[in-house]
Protein backbone atom coordinates (compact mmCIF):
# COMPACT_ATOMS: atom_id res chain seq x y z
CA UNK A 1 -80.76 -0.47 51.87
CA UNK A 2 -78.48 -1.84 49.16
CA UNK A 3 -78.70 -5.35 50.64
CA UNK A 4 -82.48 -5.26 50.35
CA UNK A 5 -82.28 -4.11 46.74
CA UNK A 6 -79.75 -6.82 45.92
CA UNK A 7 -81.94 -9.44 47.58
CA UNK A 8 -84.98 -8.26 45.62
CA UNK A 9 -83.01 -8.39 42.37
CA UNK A 10 -81.93 -11.97 43.08
CA UNK A 11 -85.48 -13.03 43.95
CA UNK A 12 -86.93 -11.40 40.83
CA UNK A 13 -84.28 -12.91 38.58
CA UNK A 14 -84.96 -16.37 39.99
CA UNK A 15 -88.72 -15.91 39.70
CA UNK A 16 -88.58 -14.66 36.13
CA UNK A 17 -86.12 -17.40 35.17
CA UNK A 18 -88.54 -20.04 36.41
CA UNK A 19 -91.53 -18.38 34.74
CA UNK A 20 -89.73 -17.87 31.41
CA UNK A 21 -88.46 -21.45 31.37
CA UNK A 22 -91.92 -22.83 32.17
CA UNK A 23 -93.62 -20.66 29.55
CA UNK A 24 -91.16 -21.25 26.71
CA UNK A 25 -90.11 -24.87 27.27
CA UNK A 26 -92.35 -26.13 24.42
CA UNK A 27 -91.82 -23.42 21.83
CA UNK A 28 -91.57 -23.86 18.08
CA UNK A 29 -87.89 -24.50 17.51
CA UNK A 30 -86.23 -25.03 14.15
CA UNK A 31 -83.30 -26.84 15.86
CA UNK A 32 -80.90 -24.28 14.45
CA UNK A 33 -79.69 -21.09 16.04
CA UNK A 34 -82.60 -20.51 18.42
CA UNK A 35 -82.43 -17.48 20.72
CA UNK A 36 -85.17 -18.84 22.98
CA UNK A 37 -83.22 -22.07 23.57
CA UNK A 38 -80.16 -20.01 24.48
CA UNK A 39 -82.21 -17.95 26.96
CA UNK A 40 -83.64 -21.13 28.47
CA UNK A 41 -80.10 -22.49 28.90
CA UNK A 42 -79.04 -19.27 30.65
CA UNK A 43 -82.06 -19.45 32.96
CA UNK A 44 -81.39 -23.09 33.83
CA UNK A 45 -77.72 -22.32 34.53
CA UNK A 46 -78.74 -19.43 36.79
CA UNK A 47 -81.14 -21.65 38.71
CA UNK A 48 -78.62 -24.45 39.14
CA UNK A 49 -75.86 -22.11 40.34
CA UNK A 50 -78.14 -20.45 42.88
CA UNK A 51 -79.33 -23.84 44.08
CA UNK A 52 -75.73 -24.87 44.75
CA UNK A 53 -75.04 -21.59 46.55
CA UNK A 54 -78.14 -21.90 48.73
CA UNK A 55 -77.35 -25.54 49.55
CA UNK A 56 -73.80 -24.60 50.54
CA UNK A 57 -74.98 -21.75 52.75
CA UNK A 58 -77.58 -24.02 54.37
CA UNK A 59 -75.00 -26.75 55.02
CA UNK A 60 -72.49 -24.31 56.53
CA UNK A 61 -75.17 -22.79 58.75
CA UNK A 62 -76.36 -26.21 59.89
CA UNK A 63 -72.83 -27.33 60.75
CA UNK A 64 -72.20 -24.11 62.68
CA UNK A 65 -75.41 -24.47 64.69
CA UNK A 66 -74.73 -28.14 65.46
CA UNK A 67 -71.13 -27.56 66.56
CA UNK A 68 -72.11 -24.55 68.68
CA UNK A 69 -74.82 -26.60 70.37
CA UNK A 70 -72.44 -29.48 71.05
CA UNK A 71 -69.79 -27.18 72.52
CA UNK A 72 -72.35 -25.47 74.75
CA UNK A 73 -73.66 -28.81 76.00
CA UNK A 74 -70.15 -30.06 76.74
CA UNK A 75 -69.34 -26.93 78.73
CA UNK A 76 -72.52 -27.30 80.80
CA UNK A 77 -72.08 -31.01 81.51
CA UNK A 78 -68.37 -31.18 82.27
CA UNK A 79 -67.03 -29.01 85.05
CA UNK A 80 -63.52 -27.67 84.74
CA UNK A 81 -61.63 -30.32 86.72
CA UNK A 82 -57.98 -29.57 87.39
CA UNK A 83 -55.55 -30.81 89.98
CA UNK A 84 -55.53 -27.40 91.62
CA UNK A 85 -59.32 -27.30 91.70
CA UNK A 86 -59.41 -30.75 93.28
CA UNK A 87 -56.69 -29.66 95.76
CA UNK A 88 -54.40 -32.55 94.93
CA UNK A 89 -50.97 -32.35 96.54
CA UNK A 90 -48.10 -33.29 94.31
CA UNK A 91 -45.52 -34.23 96.91
CA UNK A 92 -42.50 -36.27 95.93
């Protein structure tokens, strides 16, 4: 249950960050100490950090799937050939 709540909080924070940034990007700014500009910077930082995290998770998952598939294909194609399995005599 807590994972679902955490996921919903992340989705809502990303959604509201995008909406706030889109709505307030062209506000009347006096180029001084502007609270809206600071909030926009926080929203953009949040979006960029989550984009990096999602890209990293996607890359790790893709590498894991590819390596697992390659290992499974290798095991199916190559039988376990040993000298004992081939009944080779090692007489000197």
